[in-house]
Amino acid sequence: MTDTAGTPPDDPDASAGNRPSWLRWAALGSSVVVLVAAGTGWWLYRKLDGNITTDERAVTELKRYERDRPAPVPRGGRNILLIGSDTRAGDGNAEYGQDEGTQRSDTTILLHLSARGHGVTAVSIPRDLMVEVPDCRTARGKRAAPRVAQFNTAFQAGGTACTVRTLEKLTGIRVDHHMVIDFQGFKDMVDAVGGVRVCVREPIDDPDAHVKLAAGAQTLDGEQALGYVRARKSLGGGSDTERMDRQQEFLGALVTKVQSNGVLLNPARLYPVLDAATKSLTTDPGLDSLKDLYDLARRLRSVPTEKVQFLTVPRRPYHADPNRDELVQPDAGRLFRRLRADAPVVVLPPGERDGGATTPPRGTDPAPETSPSPGATPGGRGSPSPAPTYTGTNAAASACP
């Protein structure tokens, strides 16, 4: 009988030695794929993070006036100033706006994020609103004397810091963060989300804004969208009122598009949006990283579109020049006071505003009905005061059917 002694078939060392080589190669390949993916992800993160420009000059200037600035919104609310610059500086901007060094704020929106569940309120500040512009440091280090002028001249005089100080003086609301975006960045963002659908109420043919559109529902690409939100001279008799309405409606439609799963949950579509946004963005240090912007986007995404409200600060033709604007009081003062106190703001479409006031639940409005003063803080508690209504729209209503 032949001796069959040898290595037992269930010997673990022998099994390992006989393991197919393709298993080892598969394990090695998987490891390489994981490492490459991790490296690529880190590279993309660093690239997007490095796209953002930090506005150190504005931060340094604002620190000089810290004692004069308003108190922050209570309970963790935040105010972010969005500025659309009409500068020609930057790639793709040569055919638009002003020469570098004479740029003004083409669009200015104060974005209030409530910490008390009231949603997001976006308040447009008319570029032609007559305001007190404080003494501001220019780009050349000189001081521009204080004066009464159009709101958008503040950006020309002293950049973002001067615009922030002018707004804070006007409203008594502290600006926690700011973002400045140029024309090219706006166009790239719209293209990155695949265009934005809007309802064009009447045909638009505005050579100065580089736009020609037929009436009706349309999906606008970046170039068309920029013209759509900038057109003024060919519509509404040259007034800025209709233009701000279109800007608000467009931003509402853009919010709806970005909040859709087709963008936020699709890496192939989300990356171009982030790349376009970060390339054109100048922010304060509190928002100058991809993580900061992601946290902000996540907070905005959690707000239902019907709670993202848009309105324009109450104003009327300026008494000394009907081509300029001035605030309507006490409506404007009440609005500013409610935002300072993080109290609810009631915004209704133009056809639904009842002209009266509604009363919010008791305890929702801690501040008294007083006009704002620069640097003011919310007043003491008392009986609830009525919540005035304002004409505007929300992101849900802005979407075109």
Protein backbone atom coordinates (compact mmCIF):
# COMPACT_ATOMS: atom_id res chain seq x y z
CA MET A 1 0.00 0.00 0.00
CA THR A 2 1.56 3.24 -1.11
CA ASP A 3 2.25 5.87 1.52
CA THR A 4 0.28 8.96 0.64
CA ALA A 5 1.66 11.03 3.49
CA GLY A 6 2.23 14.70 2.66
CA THR A 7 0.82 18.08 3.36
CA PRO A 8 -2.76 17.79 4.59
CA PRO A 9 -5.23 19.35 2.17
CA ASP A 10 -6.70 21.51 4.93
CA ASP A 11 -3.33 23.01 5.92
CA PRO A 12 -3.93 26.82 5.96
CA ASP A 13 -0.42 27.60 4.77
CA ALA A 14 -0.84 25.32 1.78
CA SER A 15 -4.21 26.91 0.94
CA ALA A 16 -2.67 30.34 0.99
CA GLY A 17 0.10 29.17 -1.26
CA ASN A 18 -2.36 27.76 -3.75
CA ARG A 19 -4.68 30.82 -3.67
CA PRO A 20 -5.26 32.08 -7.24
CA SER A 21 -3.00 34.96 -8.16
CA TRP A 22 -5.90 36.97 -9.59
CA LEU A 23 -7.30 37.41 -6.08
CA ARG A 24 -4.09 39.03 -4.97
CA TRP A 25 -4.08 41.28 -8.03
CA ALA A 26 -7.73 42.23 -7.45
CA ALA A 27 -6.99 43.22 -3.85
CA LEU A 28 -3.99 45.26 -4.98
CA GLY A 29 -6.05 46.92 -7.73
CA SER A 30 -8.83 47.82 -5.30
CA SER A 31 -6.30 49.41 -2.98
CA VAL A 32 -4.87 51.48 -5.83
CA VAL A 33 -8.36 52.62 -6.89
CA VAL A 34 -9.17 53.71 -3.33
CA LEU A 35 -5.91 55.63 -3.07
CA VAL A 36 -6.41 57.32 -6.46
CA ALA A 37 -10.00 58.24 -5.58
CA ALA A 38 -8.89 59.67 -2.25
CA GLY A 39 -6.07 61.60 -3.90
CA THR A 40 -8.38 62.92 -6.63
CA GLY A 41 -10.98 63.95 -4.06
CA TRP A 42 -8.36 65.80 -2.05
CA TRP A 43 -7.03 67.50 -5.19
CA LEU A 44 -10.52 68.62 -6.21
CA TYR A 45 -11.20 69.92 -2.70
CA ARG A 46 -7.93 71.89 -2.67
CA LYS A 47 -8.67 73.26 -6.14
CA LEU A 48 -12.15 74.50 -5.20
CA ASP A 49 -10.91 75.82 -1.87
CA GLY A 50 -8.10 77.69 -3.61
CA ASN A 51 -10.49 79.32 -6.08
CA ILE A 52 -12.02 81.56 -3.40
CA THR A 53 -10.58 85.05 -2.92
CA THR A 54 -10.43 86.41 0.63
CA ASP A 55 -11.31 90.09 1.05
CA GLU A 56 -8.64 91.00 3.59
CA ARG A 57 -8.82 94.69 2.76
CA ALA A 58 -12.48 94.93 3.78
CA VAL A 59 -11.87 93.02 7.00
CA THR A 60 -9.00 95.31 7.99
CA GLU A 61 -11.05 98.44 7.26
CA LEU A 62 -14.13 97.24 9.14
CA LYS A 63 -12.05 96.49 12.22
CA ARG A 64 -11.26 100.21 12.47
CA TYR A 65 -14.95 100.90 13.09
CA GLU A 66 -15.87 97.92 15.26
CA ARG A 67 -17.10 100.10 18.15
CA ASP A 68 -19.51 101.93 15.85
CA ARG A 69 -20.98 98.83 14.22
CA PRO A 70 -24.39 97.36 15.20
CA ALA A 71 -24.74 94.36 17.47
CA PRO A 72 -25.07 90.89 15.90
CA VAL A 73 -28.46 89.30 15.30
CA PRO A 74 -29.58 87.53 18.51
CA ARG A 75 -29.83 83.75 18.91
CA GLY A 76 -27.43 82.84 16.14
CA GLY A 77 -29.10 84.41 13.09
CA ARG A 78 -26.85 85.62 10.29
CA ASN A 79 -26.87 88.48 7.78
CA ILE A 80 -24.95 88.05 4.54
CA LEU A 81 -24.52 90.89 2.06
CA LEU A 82 -24.53 89.75 -1.58
CA ILE A 83 -22.94 92.23 -3.99
CA GLY A 84 -22.96 91.94 -7.77
CA SER A 85 -20.13 94.10 -9.08
CA ASP A 86 -20.27 95.75 -12.50
CA THR A 87 -16.49 95.89 -12.77
CA ARG A 88 -14.81 94.99 -16.06
CA ALA A 89 -11.90 93.42 -14.20
CA GLY A 90 -11.69 89.64 -14.55
CA ASP A 91 -11.92 87.20 -17.43
CA GLY A 92 -14.93 87.58 -19.69
CA ASN A 93 -16.11 90.90 -18.22
CA ALA A 94 -14.59 93.34 -20.70
CA GLU A 95 -17.84 93.96 -22.62
CA TYR A 96 -19.83 94.77 -19.47
CA GLY A 97 -19.95 97.44 -16.80
CA GLN A 98 -17.46 100.06 -15.83
CA ASP A 99 -13.72 100.37 -16.18
CA GLU A 100 -11.73 98.83 -13.36
CA GLY A 101 -11.42 101.34 -10.55
CA THR A 102 -14.85 102.91 -11.26
CA GLN A 103 -16.99 99.86 -10.52
CA ARG A 104 -20.23 100.16 -8.60
CA SER A 105 -22.50 97.63 -6.95
CA ASP A 106 -24.85 96.64 -9.77
CA THR A 107 -26.96 94.51 -7.40
CA THR A 108 -27.03 94.46 -3.60
CA ILE A 109 -29.11 92.02 -1.54
CA LEU A 110 -29.13 91.59 2.23
CA LEU A 111 -29.71 87.92 3.01
CA HIS A 112 -31.11 87.32 6.51
CA LEU A 113 -30.93 83.73 7.80
CA SER A 114 -33.26 83.34 10.75
CA ALA A 115 -32.22 81.25 13.73
CA ARG A 116 -35.83 80.98 14.89
CA GLY A 117 -37.37 79.04 12.03
CA HIS A 118 -38.62 82.04 10.05
CA GLY A 119 -36.66 81.00 6.96
CA VAL A 120 -34.58 83.26 4.74
CA THR A 121 -35.44 86.85 3.83
CA ALA A 122 -33.62 88.51 0.93
CA VAL A 123 -33.95 92.30 0.82
CA SER A 124 -32.93 94.16 -2.33
CA ILE A 125 -31.32 97.58 -1.81
CA PRO A 126 -31.98 99.88 -4.79
CA ARG A 127 -28.81 101.10 -6.43
CA ASP A 128 -30.40 104.57 -6.80
CA LEU A 129 -31.45 104.86 -3.14
CA MET A 130 -30.20 108.15 -1.68
CA VAL A 131 -28.29 107.45 1.54
CA GLU A 132 -25.62 108.87 3.83
CA VAL A 133 -22.31 107.43 2.66
CA PRO A 134 -19.75 107.68 5.51
CA ASP A 135 -16.14 108.73 5.11
CA CYS A 136 -14.43 105.76 3.49
CA ARG A 137 -10.88 104.76 2.70
CA THR A 138 -10.29 104.49 -1.05
CA ALA A 139 -8.17 101.89 -2.82
CA ARG A 140 -5.32 104.42 -2.87
CA GLY A 141 -5.45 104.89 0.89
CA LYS A 142 -7.09 108.32 0.87
CA ARG A 143 -10.32 109.26 2.69
CA ALA A 144 -13.49 110.08 0.76
CA ALA A 145 -15.56 112.66 2.64
CA PRO A 146 -19.04 111.68 3.92
CA ARG A 147 -21.90 112.74 1.68
CA VAL A 148 -25.47 112.04 0.62
CA ALA A 149 -25.34 110.01 -2.59
CA GLN A 150 -26.70 106.98 -4.41
CA PHE A 151 -26.19 103.73 -2.53
CA ASN A 152 -24.12 102.12 -5.29
CA THR A 153 -21.49 104.88 -5.15
CA ALA A 154 -20.31 103.48 -1.81
CA PHE A 155 -18.76 100.50 -3.58
CA GLN A 156 -17.01 102.83 -6.01
CA ALA A 157 -15.70 105.03 -3.20
CA GLY A 158 -14.36 102.42 -0.80
CA GLY A 159 -15.20 98.92 -2.01
CA THR A 160 -16.97 96.32 0.07
CA ALA A 161 -16.12 97.86 3.45
CA CYS A 162 -17.73 101.17 2.47
CA THR A 163 -20.83 99.38 1.19
CA VAL A 164 -21.13 97.41 4.44
CA ARG A 165 -20.74 100.54 6.58
CA THR A 166 -23.27 102.44 4.46
CA LEU A 167 -25.82 99.65 4.81
CA GLU A 168 -25.24 99.32 8.56
CA LYS A 169 -25.66 103.07 9.01
CA LEU A 170 -28.87 102.98 6.98
CA THR A 171 -30.47 99.98 8.68
CA GLY A 172 -28.84 99.41 12.06
CA ILE A 173 -28.34 95.79 10.92
CA ARG A 174 -24.92 94.20 11.36
CA VAL A 175 -23.49 92.46 8.30
CA ASP A 176 -21.87 89.22 9.48
CA HIS A 177 -20.49 88.11 6.10
CA HIS A 178 -20.27 89.37 2.56
CA MET A 179 -19.89 87.90 -0.91
CA VAL A 180 -18.96 89.71 -4.12
CA ILE A 181 -19.55 88.03 -7.49
CA ASP A 182 -18.76 89.35 -10.96
CA PHE A 183 -20.63 88.97 -14.24
CA GLN A 184 -18.64 86.02 -15.55
CA GLY A 185 -19.14 84.08 -12.36
CA PHE A 186 -22.90 84.61 -12.52
CA LYS A 187 -23.03 83.32 -16.09
CA ASP A 188 -20.89 80.29 -15.30
CA MET A 189 -23.10 79.32 -12.36
CA VAL A 190 -26.26 79.45 -14.48
CA ASP A 191 -24.61 77.36 -17.20
CA ALA A 192 -23.33 74.89 -14.60
CA VAL A 193 -26.86 74.09 -13.37
CA GLY A 194 -28.05 73.57 -16.94
CA GLY A 195 -29.86 76.90 -17.26
CA VAL A 196 -32.72 78.40 -15.27
CA ARG A 197 -36.37 78.42 -16.33
CA VAL A 198 -38.13 81.79 -16.03
CA CYS A 199 -41.37 83.39 -17.18
CA VAL A 200 -40.64 86.35 -19.45
CA ARG A 201 -43.72 88.58 -19.12
CA GLU A 202 -43.04 90.71 -22.18
CA PRO A 203 -40.53 90.66 -25.05
CA ILE A 204 -37.12 92.07 -24.13
CA ASP A 205 -34.75 93.72 -26.59
CA ASP A 206 -32.05 95.56 -24.70
CA PRO A 207 -28.77 96.10 -26.59
CA ASP A 208 -27.07 97.62 -23.52
CA ALA A 209 -27.78 94.46 -21.50
CA HIS A 210 -26.93 92.22 -24.48
CA VAL A 211 -30.26 90.39 -24.36
CA LYS A 212 -33.17 89.71 -26.72
CA LEU A 213 -35.94 87.41 -25.50
CA ALA A 214 -39.46 86.56 -26.60
CA ALA A 215 -42.29 86.51 -24.08
CA GLY A 216 -43.19 83.22 -22.39
CA ALA A 217 -41.57 80.43 -20.39
CA GLN A 218 -37.92 79.96 -21.32
CA THR A 219 -34.81 78.27 -19.97
CA LEU A 220 -32.02 80.86 -19.98
CA ASP A 221 -28.34 80.08 -20.32
CA GLY A 222 -25.74 82.17 -18.52
CA GLU A 223 -25.42 84.91 -21.12
CA GLN A 224 -29.19 85.31 -21.45
CA ALA A 225 -29.68 85.21 -17.68
CA LEU A 226 -27.17 88.01 -17.12
CA GLY A 227 -28.93 90.19 -19.66
CA TYR A 228 -32.31 89.30 -18.17
CA VAL A 229 -31.41 90.44 -14.65
CA ARG A 230 -29.54 93.54 -15.86
CA ALA A 231 -31.98 94.88 -18.48
CA ARG A 232 -33.42 98.22 -17.44
CA LYS A 233 -33.38 100.90 -20.12
CA SER A 234 -35.78 99.08 -22.44
CA LEU A 235 -38.24 98.11 -19.68
CA GLY A 236 -40.30 100.01 -17.13
CA GLY A 237 -39.24 103.41 -18.44
CA GLY A 238 -35.69 102.87 -17.23
CA SER A 239 -36.75 102.38 -13.61
CA ASP A 240 -34.82 100.00 -11.41
CA THR A 241 -38.07 98.71 -9.84
CA GLU A 242 -38.95 96.18 -12.51
CA ARG A 243 -35.34 95.07 -12.77
CA MET A 244 -35.18 94.27 -9.04
CA ASP A 245 -38.42 92.30 -9.35
CA ARG A 246 -36.86 90.24 -12.15
CA GLN A 247 -33.68 89.72 -10.13
CA GLN A 248 -35.68 88.42 -7.18
CA GLU A 249 -37.77 86.10 -9.34
CA PHE A 250 -34.68 84.78 -11.09
CA LEU A 251 -32.84 84.13 -7.82
CA GLY A 252 -35.90 82.31 -6.53
CA ALA A 253 -35.92 80.11 -9.64
CA LEU A 254 -32.16 79.53 -9.26
CA VAL A 255 -32.62 78.47 -5.62
CA THR A 256 -35.30 76.01 -6.69
CA LYS A 257 -33.02 74.59 -9.39
CA VAL A 258 -29.99 74.24 -7.12
CA GLN A 259 -32.08 72.63 -4.37
CA SER A 260 -33.28 69.97 -6.80
CA ASN A 261 -31.74 66.52 -6.50
CA GLY A 262 -30.58 66.80 -10.08
CA VAL A 263 -27.85 69.19 -8.93
CA LEU A 264 -27.07 68.65 -5.25
CA LEU A 265 -27.10 64.84 -5.41
CA ASN A 266 -25.29 64.54 -8.72
CA PRO A 267 -21.49 64.98 -8.35
CA ALA A 268 -21.07 65.40 -12.10
CA ARG A 269 -23.39 68.45 -12.00
CA LEU A 270 -22.48 69.73 -8.55
CA TYR A 271 -18.75 70.08 -9.20
CA PRO A 272 -19.14 72.56 -12.13
CA VAL A 273 -21.50 74.63 -9.99
CA LEU A 274 -19.00 74.75 -7.13
CA ASP A 275 -16.13 75.46 -9.51
CA ALA A 276 -18.00 78.36 -11.15
CA ALA A 277 -19.11 79.78 -7.81
CA THR A 278 -15.73 79.64 -6.11
CA LYS A 279 -13.79 81.05 -9.09
CA SER A 280 -15.83 84.25 -9.12
CA LEU A 281 -16.31 84.67 -5.39
CA THR A 282 -14.66 87.18 -3.06
CA THR A 283 -15.66 86.76 0.58
CA ASP A 284 -14.70 87.63 4.13
CA PRO A 285 -12.58 85.08 6.07
CA GLY A 286 -15.71 83.59 7.64
CA LEU A 287 -16.83 82.20 4.27
CA ASP A 288 -13.56 81.78 2.40
CA SER A 289 -13.29 77.99 2.54
CA LEU A 290 -15.18 75.22 0.81
CA LYS A 291 -16.26 73.89 4.20
CA ASP A 292 -17.75 77.26 5.16
CA LEU A 293 -19.66 77.48 1.89
CA TYR A 294 -20.82 73.86 2.19
CA ASP A 295 -22.15 74.50 5.69
CA LEU A 296 -23.99 77.57 4.40
CA ALA A 297 -25.42 75.66 1.42
CA ARG A 298 -26.56 72.84 3.69
CA ARG A 299 -28.32 75.33 5.95
CA LEU A 300 -30.03 76.97 2.97
CA ARG A 301 -31.08 73.63 1.53
CA SER A 302 -32.88 72.76 4.77
CA VAL A 303 -35.16 75.81 4.33
CA PRO A 304 -38.38 75.06 2.38
CA THR A 305 -38.59 77.13 -0.81
CA GLU A 306 -41.81 78.78 0.37
CA LYS A 307 -39.82 80.18 3.32
CA VAL A 308 -37.18 81.79 1.07
CA GLN A 309 -38.68 85.28 0.65
CA PHE A 310 -37.65 88.17 -1.60
CA LEU A 311 -38.63 91.81 -1.25
CA THR A 312 -37.33 95.30 -1.94
CA VAL A 313 -36.80 97.79 0.86
CA PRO A 314 -39.84 100.15 0.99
CA ARG A 315 -38.97 103.21 -1.09
CA ARG A 316 -40.47 105.95 -3.25
CA PRO A 317 -39.14 108.61 -5.65
CA TYR A 318 -36.65 110.91 -3.96
CA HIS A 319 -38.19 114.29 -3.11
CA ALA A 320 -35.36 116.22 -4.79
CA ASP A 321 -35.03 114.02 -7.88
CA PRO A 322 -37.75 111.59 -9.10
CA ASN A 323 -35.06 109.54 -10.85
CA ARG A 324 -33.66 108.55 -7.45
CA ASP A 325 -35.22 106.71 -4.47
CA GLU A 326 -35.69 107.36 -0.77
CA LEU A 327 -36.96 105.16 2.05
CA VAL A 328 -40.64 105.07 2.97
CA GLN A 329 -41.07 105.47 6.72
CA PRO A 330 -42.20 103.98 9.02
CA ASP A 331 -42.38 100.87 6.79
CA ALA A 332 -38.62 100.66 6.19
CA GLY A 333 -37.84 101.25 9.86
CA ARG A 334 -40.18 98.46 10.91
CA LEU A 335 -38.60 96.06 8.44
CA PHE A 336 -35.09 96.82 9.65
CA ARG A 337 -36.17 96.51 13.29
CA ARG A 338 -37.72 93.09 12.69
CA LEU A 339 -34.61 91.82 10.93
CA ARG A 340 -32.43 93.09 13.77
CA ALA A 341 -34.59 91.20 16.25
CA ASP A 342 -34.86 88.09 14.04
CA ALA A 343 -38.65 88.54 14.12
CA PRO A 344 -40.86 87.15 11.30
CA VAL A 345 -41.36 89.23 8.17
CA VAL A 346 -44.60 88.75 6.24
CA VAL A 347 -44.08 88.93 2.46
CA LEU A 348 -47.06 88.68 0.09
CA PRO A 349 -47.32 88.81 -3.73
CA PRO A 350 -48.39 92.22 -5.10
CA GLY A 351 -52.00 91.10 -5.63
CA GLU A 352 -52.38 89.62 -2.15
CA ARG A 353 -51.06 92.34 0.12
CA ASP A 354 -54.03 93.38 2.25
CA GLY A 355 -52.62 96.74 3.22
CA GLY A 356 -53.15 95.94 6.88
CA ALA A 357 -51.16 94.18 9.53
CA THR A 358 -51.36 90.75 10.99
CA THR A 359 -50.46 89.88 14.55
CA PRO A 360 -47.78 87.21 15.07
CA PRO A 361 -47.92 84.77 17.97
CA ARG A 362 -47.21 86.38 21.35
CA GLY A 363 -43.54 86.75 22.11
CA THR A 364 -42.32 86.61 18.51
CA ASP A 365 -41.53 90.32 18.31
CA PRO A 366 -39.42 91.49 21.27
CA ALA A 367 -38.58 94.91 19.84
CA PRO A 368 -40.78 98.03 20.14
CA GLU A 369 -42.16 99.84 17.09
CA THR A 370 -39.43 102.44 16.72
CA SER A 371 -37.44 103.65 13.75
CA PRO A 372 -33.93 102.23 13.51
CA SER A 373 -30.87 104.23 14.32
CA PRO A 374 -27.29 103.39 13.34
CA GLY A 375 -25.78 100.94 15.79
CA ALA A 376 -29.13 100.30 17.46
CA THR A 377 -29.90 97.01 19.18
CA PRO A 378 -33.27 95.31 19.68
CA GLY A 379 -35.27 96.82 22.50
CA GLY A 380 -36.76 95.22 25.58
CA ARG A 381 -39.59 92.73 25.71
CA GLY A 382 -43.19 93.85 25.84
CA SER A 383 -46.56 93.15 24.33
CA PRO A 384 -46.36 91.88 20.75
CA SER A 385 -46.65 94.53 18.05
CA PRO A 386 -48.24 93.93 14.66
CA ALA A 387 -46.19 92.39 11.87
CA PRO A 388 -46.43 94.67 8.82
CA THR A 389 -46.77 93.04 5.42
CA TYR A 390 -44.43 93.70 2.50
CA THR A 391 -44.78 93.10 -1.21
CA GLY A 392 -42.49 90.47 -2.69
CA THR A 393 -42.29 86.83 -3.65
CA ASN A 394 -40.79 83.51 -2.53
CA ALA A 395 -38.64 80.91 -4.20
CA ALA A 396 -41.53 78.48 -4.66
CA ALA A 397 -43.67 81.09 -6.43
CA SER A 398 -40.73 82.26 -8.55
CA ALA A 399 -40.44 78.94 -10.38
CA CYS A 400 -42.00 79.07 -13.84
CA PRO A 401 -44.57 76.29 -14.55
